[in-house]
Amino acid sequence: MAAVLSLRWAGVTPEQYDAMLAEVRWEAQVPDGLVLHVAWFEAGALHVTDVWNAEADFERFFAERLSPAVQKVGLPGKPEFHFTPAHRRFVPPGAAGAA
């Protein structure tokens, strides 16, 4: 079942997020199981909503690729996050894009 990740990471800046993206390259090398990633900044924090085919897909991506990048870039603190089972997923025909 698809899982929705909701994440808030206080103190992360757009520049730090971009440095992590450059390190992990998840847009060029899409992680197995990632369906959608949206990130924005509000109230001094990074906010992320992801959809994964399964929570285990994110856990594998985190262990193998994301965690080493977080260490290398030196992101402050720890994120607050939780997973929720997706009830329904709809992607309009022709929807695509990055940045």
Protein backbone atom coordinates (compact mmCIF):
# COMPACT_ATOMS: atom_id res chain seq x y z
CA MET A 1 0.00 0.00 0.00
CA ALA A 2 1.27 3.48 -0.82
CA ALA A 3 2.49 5.59 2.09
CA VAL A 4 2.49 9.38 2.49
CA LEU A 5 5.48 10.88 4.28
CA SER A 6 4.93 14.23 6.01
CA LEU A 7 8.14 15.84 7.24
CA ARG A 8 9.12 19.10 8.96
CA TRP A 9 12.80 19.88 9.60
CA ALA A 10 13.42 23.07 11.58
CA GLY A 11 16.49 25.11 10.73
CA VAL A 12 17.15 23.66 7.26
CA THR A 13 17.69 26.37 4.65
CA PRO A 14 16.98 26.24 0.91
CA GLU A 15 20.75 26.27 0.31
CA GLN A 16 21.25 23.22 2.55
CA TYR A 17 18.36 21.41 0.85
CA ASP A 18 19.87 22.16 -2.57
CA ALA A 19 23.29 20.91 -1.40
CA MET A 20 21.67 17.68 -0.23
CA LEU A 21 19.83 17.33 -3.56
CA ALA A 22 23.12 17.76 -5.41
CA GLU A 23 24.69 15.05 -3.24
CA VAL A 24 21.86 12.50 -3.40
CA ARG A 25 20.73 13.27 -6.98
CA TRP A 26 17.24 11.85 -6.44
CA GLU A 27 15.91 13.64 -9.50
CA ALA A 28 18.57 12.12 -11.78
CA GLN A 29 18.61 8.72 -10.03
CA VAL A 30 15.05 8.28 -8.82
CA PRO A 31 14.86 6.06 -5.73
CA ASP A 32 12.97 2.81 -6.13
CA GLY A 33 9.42 3.27 -4.89
CA LEU A 34 9.30 7.09 -4.93
CA VAL A 35 6.11 8.35 -6.56
CA LEU A 36 6.10 12.07 -5.67
CA HIS A 37 8.28 14.56 -3.78
CA VAL A 38 7.28 18.14 -2.92
CA ALA A 39 9.40 20.46 -0.76
CA TRP A 40 8.82 24.00 0.50
CA PHE A 41 10.06 26.35 3.21
CA GLU A 42 7.89 28.05 5.79
CA ALA A 43 8.41 29.39 9.30
CA GLY A 44 12.14 28.60 9.33
CA ALA A 45 11.70 24.95 8.40
CA LEU A 46 11.88 22.59 5.45
CA HIS A 47 8.56 20.86 4.77
CA VAL A 48 8.28 17.76 2.60
CA THR A 49 5.42 15.62 1.37
CA ASP A 50 6.40 12.40 -0.37
CA VAL A 51 4.40 9.49 -1.70
CA TRP A 52 6.18 6.12 -1.68
CA ASN A 53 4.95 2.76 -2.93
CA ALA A 54 5.76 1.44 0.56
CA GLU A 55 7.31 2.81 3.74
CA ALA A 56 10.09 0.24 3.36
CA ASP A 57 11.12 1.91 0.07
CA PHE A 58 11.78 5.17 1.93
CA GLU A 59 13.60 3.36 4.75
CA ARG A 60 15.96 1.75 2.24
CA PHE A 61 16.55 5.07 0.43
CA PHE A 62 17.21 6.80 3.74
CA ALA A 63 19.74 4.20 4.89
CA GLU A 64 21.59 3.88 1.60
CA ARG A 65 21.57 7.40 0.18
CA LEU A 66 19.88 10.10 2.21
CA SER A 67 21.48 9.57 5.62
CA PRO A 68 25.06 9.79 4.27
CA ALA A 69 24.16 13.03 2.45
CA VAL A 70 22.58 14.52 5.57
CA GLN A 71 25.81 13.80 7.44
CA LYS A 72 27.98 15.24 4.67
CA VAL A 73 25.95 18.44 4.26
CA GLY A 74 25.60 18.81 8.04
CA LEU A 75 21.89 19.43 8.40
CA PRO A 76 20.98 20.65 11.90
CA GLY A 77 18.88 18.69 14.37
CA LYS A 78 16.46 15.94 13.46
CA PRO A 79 13.29 16.01 11.37
CA GLU A 80 9.79 15.45 12.68
CA PHE A 81 8.02 13.01 10.38
CA HIS A 82 5.31 10.43 10.14
CA PHE A 83 3.82 8.07 7.58
CA THR A 84 0.14 7.72 6.76
CA PRO A 85 -1.33 5.05 4.50
CA ALA A 86 -2.56 6.60 1.26
CA HIS A 87 -6.26 6.17 0.65
CA ARG A 88 -6.13 7.04 -3.03
CA ARG A 89 -3.59 8.31 -5.51
CA PHE A 90 -4.38 10.10 -8.75
CA VAL A 91 -1.83 11.45 -11.20
CA PRO A 92 -3.36 13.42 -14.08
CA PRO A 93 -2.32 12.25 -17.56
CA GLY A 94 0.73 14.13 -18.76
CA ALA A 95 1.73 15.31 -15.28
CA ALA A 96 5.48 15.53 -15.00
CA GLY A 97 8.16 17.94 -14.01
CA ALA A 98 10.89 18.91 -11.65
CA ALA A 99 11.93 22.08 -9.90
